Amino acid sequence: MQHVSEAELVRVGELEIRPREGLALAGGRALMLSVREFDLLVALASHAGRIVSREELYRQAWGGTLRGGDRSCDVYIHKLRAKLERALPGQRLIHTHVGFGYRLDTGASHPFHIASTGR
């Protein structure tokens, strides 16, 4: 299996990620992402359809170990989610799984997670 960082192109619904170019397109339009947001998107895409823990996302995007109480990952996921939802109205690609992590997928969240997170 090819790792996302080595891939030419990754697609999740209308989202297209070109890791080598540092480019993400939503519906064919370039997203204006910070380096950290792009790194998180690539980390999520490398596990598309599966839940990725906050610790793993932090390790891949920041290159270190997540310390207790550090909310950096959550803050940047919130920013990334908002940008994706503005670019692709009516679509939710980043799903929160309380106590587990986040998932990048075109499918809906499980009702338990929707009720728990308001998402």
N, C-alpha and C. Protein backbone atom coordinates (compact mmCIF):
# COMPACT_ATOMS: atom_id res chain seq x y z
N MET A 1 0.84 -1.18 0.00
CA MET A 1 0.00 0.00 0.00
C MET A 1 0.88 1.25 0.00
N GLN A 2 0.54 2.20 -0.80
CA GLN A 2 1.32 3.42 -0.91
C GLN A 2 0.92 4.39 0.20
N HIS A 3 1.90 4.96 0.89
CA HIS A 3 1.64 5.92 1.95
C HIS A 3 1.21 7.24 1.32
N VAL A 4 0.27 7.95 1.96
CA VAL A 4 -0.27 9.19 1.40
C VAL A 4 0.82 10.20 1.10
N SER A 5 1.82 10.34 1.98
CA SER A 5 2.85 11.35 1.74
C SER A 5 3.65 11.06 0.47
N GLU A 6 3.60 9.82 -0.01
CA GLU A 6 4.30 9.45 -1.23
C GLU A 6 3.38 9.47 -2.44
N ALA A 7 2.09 9.58 -2.19
CA ALA A 7 1.10 9.51 -3.27
C ALA A 7 1.08 10.80 -4.08
N GLU A 8 0.73 10.66 -5.34
CA GLU A 8 0.57 11.81 -6.21
C GLU A 8 -0.76 12.52 -5.91
N LEU A 9 -1.79 11.72 -5.62
CA LEU A 9 -3.13 12.26 -5.48
C LEU A 9 -3.97 11.36 -4.58
N VAL A 10 -4.74 11.97 -3.68
CA VAL A 10 -5.66 11.24 -2.81
C VAL A 10 -7.02 11.91 -2.95
N ARG A 11 -8.08 11.11 -3.13
CA ARG A 11 -9.43 11.67 -3.26
C ARG A 11 -10.32 11.11 -2.16
N VAL A 12 -11.08 12.02 -1.57
CA VAL A 12 -12.12 11.66 -0.61
C VAL A 12 -13.32 12.50 -1.00
N GLY A 13 -14.28 11.88 -1.68
CA GLY A 13 -15.41 12.63 -2.19
C GLY A 13 -14.93 13.70 -3.17
N GLU A 14 -15.37 14.95 -2.95
CA GLU A 14 -14.96 16.07 -3.81
C GLU A 14 -13.66 16.72 -3.35
N LEU A 15 -13.03 16.12 -2.36
CA LEU A 15 -11.76 16.62 -1.85
C LEU A 15 -10.61 15.89 -2.53
N GLU A 16 -9.68 16.66 -3.05
CA GLU A 16 -8.50 16.11 -3.73
C GLU A 16 -7.27 16.65 -3.02
N ILE A 17 -6.39 15.75 -2.63
CA ILE A 17 -5.18 16.14 -1.91
C ILE A 17 -3.97 15.72 -2.72
N ARG A 18 -3.06 16.67 -2.94
CA ARG A 18 -1.81 16.40 -3.66
C ARG A 18 -0.65 16.67 -2.70
N PRO A 19 -0.30 15.65 -1.90
CA PRO A 19 0.71 15.85 -0.86
C PRO A 19 2.05 16.39 -1.36
N ARG A 20 2.53 15.88 -2.48
CA ARG A 20 3.83 16.33 -3.00
C ARG A 20 3.83 17.80 -3.37
N GLU A 21 2.66 18.31 -3.78
CA GLU A 21 2.54 19.71 -4.18
C GLU A 21 2.11 20.61 -3.04
N GLY A 22 1.72 20.03 -1.91
CA GLY A 22 1.22 20.82 -0.80
C GLY A 22 -0.10 21.49 -1.17
N LEU A 23 -0.94 20.77 -1.92
CA LEU A 23 -2.16 21.35 -2.46
C LEU A 23 -3.36 20.49 -2.10
N ALA A 24 -4.45 21.17 -1.70
CA ALA A 24 -5.72 20.50 -1.46
C ALA A 24 -6.79 21.26 -2.24
N LEU A 25 -7.60 20.52 -2.97
CA LEU A 25 -8.68 21.10 -3.78
C LEU A 25 -10.01 20.59 -3.27
N ALA A 26 -10.97 21.48 -3.15
CA ALA A 26 -12.33 21.12 -2.76
C ALA A 26 -13.24 21.53 -3.90
N GLY A 27 -13.87 20.56 -4.55
CA GLY A 27 -14.71 20.86 -5.70
C GLY A 27 -13.93 21.55 -6.81
N GLY A 28 -12.64 21.21 -6.93
CA GLY A 28 -11.80 21.78 -7.98
C GLY A 28 -11.16 23.11 -7.64
N ARG A 29 -11.50 23.67 -6.47
CA ARG A 29 -10.93 24.96 -6.05
C ARG A 29 -9.91 24.76 -4.94
N ALA A 30 -8.79 25.47 -5.05
CA ALA A 30 -7.72 25.35 -4.06
C ALA A 30 -8.18 25.85 -2.70
N LEU A 31 -7.86 25.09 -1.67
CA LEU A 31 -8.13 25.49 -0.29
C LEU A 31 -6.93 26.27 0.23
N MET A 32 -7.20 27.33 0.96
CA MET A 32 -6.14 28.10 1.61
C MET A 32 -5.96 27.54 3.01
N LEU A 33 -4.97 26.65 3.16
CA LEU A 33 -4.72 25.98 4.43
C LEU A 33 -3.37 26.38 4.98
N SER A 34 -3.28 26.45 6.30
CA SER A 34 -1.97 26.64 6.93
C SER A 34 -1.18 25.34 6.78
N VAL A 35 0.09 25.39 7.04
CA VAL A 35 0.92 24.19 6.96
C VAL A 35 0.39 23.13 7.92
N ARG A 36 0.02 23.53 9.12
CA ARG A 36 -0.48 22.59 10.13
C ARG A 36 -1.81 21.97 9.67
N GLU A 37 -2.70 22.78 9.13
CA GLU A 37 -3.98 22.27 8.64
C GLU A 37 -3.75 21.26 7.52
N PHE A 38 -2.84 21.59 6.61
CA PHE A 38 -2.55 20.67 5.51
C PHE A 38 -1.96 19.37 6.03
N ASP A 39 -1.03 19.46 6.99
CA ASP A 39 -0.44 18.26 7.57
C ASP A 39 -1.50 17.38 8.25
N LEU A 40 -2.45 18.01 8.94
CA LEU A 40 -3.53 17.25 9.57
C LEU A 40 -4.41 16.58 8.51
N LEU A 41 -4.69 17.30 7.45
CA LEU A 41 -5.50 16.74 6.37
C LEU A 41 -4.81 15.52 5.75
N VAL A 42 -3.52 15.63 5.51
CA VAL A 42 -2.76 14.50 4.95
C VAL A 42 -2.76 13.33 5.94
N ALA A 43 -2.60 13.62 7.23
CA ALA A 43 -2.62 12.56 8.25
C ALA A 43 -3.98 11.86 8.27
N LEU A 44 -5.06 12.63 8.22
CA LEU A 44 -6.40 12.03 8.18
C LEU A 44 -6.59 11.22 6.89
N ALA A 45 -6.13 11.77 5.77
CA ALA A 45 -6.28 11.08 4.49
C ALA A 45 -5.49 9.78 4.45
N SER A 46 -4.40 9.71 5.17
CA SER A 46 -3.60 8.48 5.17
C SER A 46 -4.35 7.34 5.86
N HIS A 47 -5.40 7.68 6.57
CA HIS A 47 -6.24 6.68 7.24
C HIS A 47 -7.71 6.88 6.88
N ALA A 48 -7.99 7.39 5.68
CA ALA A 48 -9.37 7.73 5.28
C ALA A 48 -10.32 6.58 5.56
N GLY A 49 -11.44 6.94 6.18
CA GLY A 49 -12.46 5.96 6.51
C GLY A 49 -12.26 5.31 7.86
N ARG A 50 -11.11 5.57 8.50
CA ARG A 50 -10.82 4.98 9.82
C ARG A 50 -10.62 6.09 10.84
N ILE A 51 -10.89 5.78 12.09
CA ILE A 51 -10.69 6.75 13.17
C ILE A 51 -9.20 6.84 13.46
N VAL A 52 -8.72 8.09 13.56
CA VAL A 52 -7.31 8.36 13.87
C VAL A 52 -7.29 9.07 15.22
N SER A 53 -6.49 8.57 16.13
CA SER A 53 -6.42 9.17 17.47
C SER A 53 -5.79 10.56 17.42
N ARG A 54 -6.12 11.38 18.39
CA ARG A 54 -5.52 12.71 18.51
C ARG A 54 -4.00 12.57 18.64
N GLU A 55 -3.55 11.56 19.37
CA GLU A 55 -2.12 11.34 19.56
C GLU A 55 -1.41 11.07 18.24
N GLU A 56 -2.03 10.25 17.40
CA GLU A 56 -1.44 9.93 16.10
C GLU A 56 -1.45 11.15 15.19
N LEU A 57 -2.55 11.88 15.18
CA LEU A 57 -2.61 13.10 14.37
C LEU A 57 -1.54 14.10 14.81
N TYR A 58 -1.39 14.26 16.10
CA TYR A 58 -0.38 15.18 16.62
C TYR A 58 1.02 14.73 16.20
N ARG A 59 1.27 13.43 16.34
CA ARG A 59 2.59 12.90 15.97
C ARG A 59 2.89 13.17 14.50
N GLN A 60 1.90 12.95 13.62
CA GLN A 60 2.13 13.14 12.20
C GLN A 60 2.22 14.61 11.80
N ALA A 61 1.41 15.48 12.43
CA ALA A 61 1.38 16.89 12.03
C ALA A 61 2.41 17.75 12.75
N TRP A 62 2.69 17.44 14.01
CA TRP A 62 3.63 18.24 14.79
C TRP A 62 4.99 17.54 14.96
N GLY A 63 5.01 16.23 14.74
CA GLY A 63 6.26 15.50 14.87
C GLY A 63 6.70 15.27 16.29
N GLY A 64 5.77 15.29 17.23
CA GLY A 64 6.13 15.09 18.63
C GLY A 64 5.06 14.28 19.34
N THR A 65 5.14 14.30 20.67
CA THR A 65 4.20 13.56 21.50
C THR A 65 3.19 14.53 22.10
N LEU A 66 1.93 14.19 22.00
CA LEU A 66 0.86 15.00 22.56
C LEU A 66 0.93 14.96 24.08
N ARG A 67 0.98 16.14 24.69
CA ARG A 67 1.02 16.25 26.15
C ARG A 67 -0.40 16.36 26.69
N GLY A 68 -0.59 15.87 27.88
CA GLY A 68 -1.90 15.95 28.52
C GLY A 68 -2.40 17.39 28.58
N GLY A 69 -3.65 17.60 28.23
CA GLY A 69 -4.24 18.92 28.27
C GLY A 69 -3.99 19.77 27.03
N ASP A 70 -3.14 19.31 26.13
CA ASP A 70 -2.84 20.07 24.90
C ASP A 70 -4.02 19.92 23.94
N ARG A 71 -4.62 21.05 23.57
CA ARG A 71 -5.79 21.03 22.69
C ARG A 71 -5.46 21.49 21.27
N SER A 72 -4.19 21.59 20.93
CA SER A 72 -3.77 22.07 19.61
C SER A 72 -4.43 21.30 18.48
N CYS A 73 -4.44 20.00 18.59
CA CYS A 73 -5.01 19.16 17.54
C CYS A 73 -6.48 19.50 17.34
N ASP A 74 -7.23 19.63 18.43
CA ASP A 74 -8.65 19.93 18.35
C ASP A 74 -8.91 21.30 17.73
N VAL A 75 -8.09 22.28 18.09
CA VAL A 75 -8.23 23.64 17.56
C VAL A 75 -8.02 23.64 16.05
N TYR A 76 -6.96 22.97 15.60
CA TYR A 76 -6.68 22.95 14.16
C TYR A 76 -7.66 22.09 13.38
N ILE A 77 -8.17 21.02 13.98
CA ILE A 77 -9.21 20.22 13.33
C ILE A 77 -10.46 21.08 13.15
N HIS A 78 -10.79 21.87 14.16
CA HIS A 78 -11.94 22.77 14.07
C HIS A 78 -11.78 23.75 12.90
N LYS A 79 -10.60 24.35 12.79
CA LYS A 79 -10.32 25.29 11.69
C LYS A 79 -10.41 24.59 10.34
N LEU A 80 -9.81 23.40 10.24
CA LEU A 80 -9.82 22.64 9.00
C LEU A 80 -11.25 22.25 8.63
N ARG A 81 -12.01 21.77 9.59
CA ARG A 81 -13.40 21.38 9.35
C ARG A 81 -14.20 22.57 8.82
N ALA A 82 -14.03 23.74 9.44
CA ALA A 82 -14.76 24.94 9.01
C ALA A 82 -14.41 25.31 7.57
N LYS A 83 -13.14 25.23 7.21
CA LYS A 83 -12.73 25.55 5.84
C LYS A 83 -13.31 24.56 4.84
N LEU A 84 -13.30 23.28 5.20
CA LEU A 84 -13.87 22.26 4.30
C LEU A 84 -15.37 22.46 4.13
N GLU A 85 -16.06 22.79 5.21
CA GLU A 85 -17.51 22.96 5.14
C GLU A 85 -17.89 24.23 4.37
N ARG A 86 -17.05 25.27 4.43
CA ARG A 86 -17.30 26.46 3.62
C ARG A 86 -17.08 26.15 2.14
N ALA A 87 -16.06 25.36 1.85
CA ALA A 87 -15.72 25.03 0.46
C ALA A 87 -16.68 24.02 -0.14
N LEU A 88 -17.21 23.14 0.69
CA LEU A 88 -18.12 22.08 0.23
C LEU A 88 -19.38 22.10 1.08
N PRO A 89 -20.25 23.09 0.89
CA PRO A 89 -21.46 23.23 1.72
C PRO A 89 -22.31 21.95 1.71
N GLY A 90 -22.82 21.63 2.87
CA GLY A 90 -23.69 20.46 2.98
C GLY A 90 -22.94 19.15 3.10
N GLN A 91 -21.62 19.20 3.07
CA GLN A 91 -20.83 17.97 3.20
C GLN A 91 -20.01 18.03 4.49
N ARG A 92 -20.00 16.94 5.20
CA ARG A 92 -19.19 16.84 6.40
C ARG A 92 -18.17 15.73 6.16
N LEU A 93 -16.91 16.11 6.09
CA LEU A 93 -15.86 15.13 5.80
C LEU A 93 -15.08 14.72 7.05
N ILE A 94 -15.00 15.59 8.04
CA ILE A 94 -14.27 15.26 9.27
C ILE A 94 -15.29 14.97 10.36
N HIS A 95 -15.23 13.76 10.88
CA HIS A 95 -16.17 13.30 11.90
C HIS A 95 -15.44 13.12 13.22
N THR A 96 -16.06 13.59 14.29
CA THR A 96 -15.51 13.45 15.63
C THR A 96 -16.03 12.18 16.26
N HIS A 97 -15.15 11.41 16.86
CA HIS A 97 -15.50 10.21 17.61
C HIS A 97 -14.98 10.43 19.03
N VAL A 98 -15.89 10.91 19.89
CA VAL A 98 -15.53 11.29 21.25
C VAL A 98 -14.81 10.15 21.96
N GLY A 99 -13.67 10.49 22.54
CA GLY A 99 -12.88 9.50 23.26
C GLY A 99 -11.99 8.65 22.37
N PHE A 100 -12.11 8.80 21.06
CA PHE A 100 -11.34 7.98 20.12
C PHE A 100 -10.47 8.84 19.21
N GLY A 101 -11.08 9.82 18.52
CA GLY A 101 -10.31 10.65 17.60
C GLY A 101 -11.19 11.20 16.50
N TYR A 102 -10.62 11.29 15.30
CA TYR A 102 -11.31 11.88 14.16
C TYR A 102 -11.22 10.94 12.96
N ARG A 103 -12.20 11.10 12.05
CA ARG A 103 -12.24 10.25 10.86
C ARG A 103 -12.54 11.13 9.65
N LEU A 104 -11.80 10.94 8.57
CA LEU A 104 -12.06 11.61 7.29
C LEU A 104 -12.80 10.64 6.41
N ASP A 105 -14.04 11.01 6.04
CA ASP A 105 -14.87 10.09 5.28
C ASP A 105 -16.06 10.86 4.73
N THR A 106 -16.59 10.39 3.61
CA THR A 106 -17.79 11.01 3.04
C THR A 106 -19.05 10.48 3.70
N GLY A 107 -18.94 9.37 4.43
CA GLY A 107 -20.10 8.78 5.09
C GLY A 107 -20.48 9.55 6.35
N ALA A 108 -21.73 9.42 6.73
CA ALA A 108 -22.24 10.11 7.92
C ALA A 108 -21.64 9.51 9.19
N SER A 109 -21.65 10.33 10.23
CA SER A 109 -21.21 9.86 11.55
C SER A 109 -22.27 8.93 12.12
N HIS A 110 -21.84 8.05 12.98
CA HIS A 110 -22.76 7.18 13.71
C HIS A 110 -23.64 8.06 14.59
N PRO A 111 -24.94 7.77 14.71
CA PRO A 111 -25.83 8.62 15.50
C PRO A 111 -25.34 8.89 16.92
N PHE A 112 -24.67 7.93 17.54
CA PHE A 112 -24.14 8.12 18.90
C PHE A 112 -23.19 9.31 18.92
N HIS A 113 -22.33 9.40 17.92
CA HIS A 113 -21.34 10.47 17.89
C HIS A 113 -21.99 11.80 17.54
N ILE A 114 -23.00 11.78 16.71
CA ILE A 114 -23.71 13.02 16.38
C ILE A 114 -24.35 13.59 17.64
N ALA A 115 -25.04 12.75 18.40
CA ALA A 115 -25.70 13.21 19.61
C ALA A 115 -24.69 13.67 20.65
N SER A 116 -23.56 13.02 20.74
CA SER A 116 -22.56 13.35 21.75
C SER A 116 -21.81 14.64 21.45
N THR A 117 -21.63 14.95 20.20
CA THR A 117 -20.78 16.07 19.84
C THR A 117 -21.52 17.23 19.19
N GLY A 118 -22.78 17.05 18.92
CA GLY A 118 -23.51 18.09 18.20
C GLY A 118 -23.11 18.14 16.74
N ARG A 119 -22.41 17.12 16.25
CA ARG A 119 -21.93 17.08 14.86
C ARG A 119 -22.62 15.95 14.12
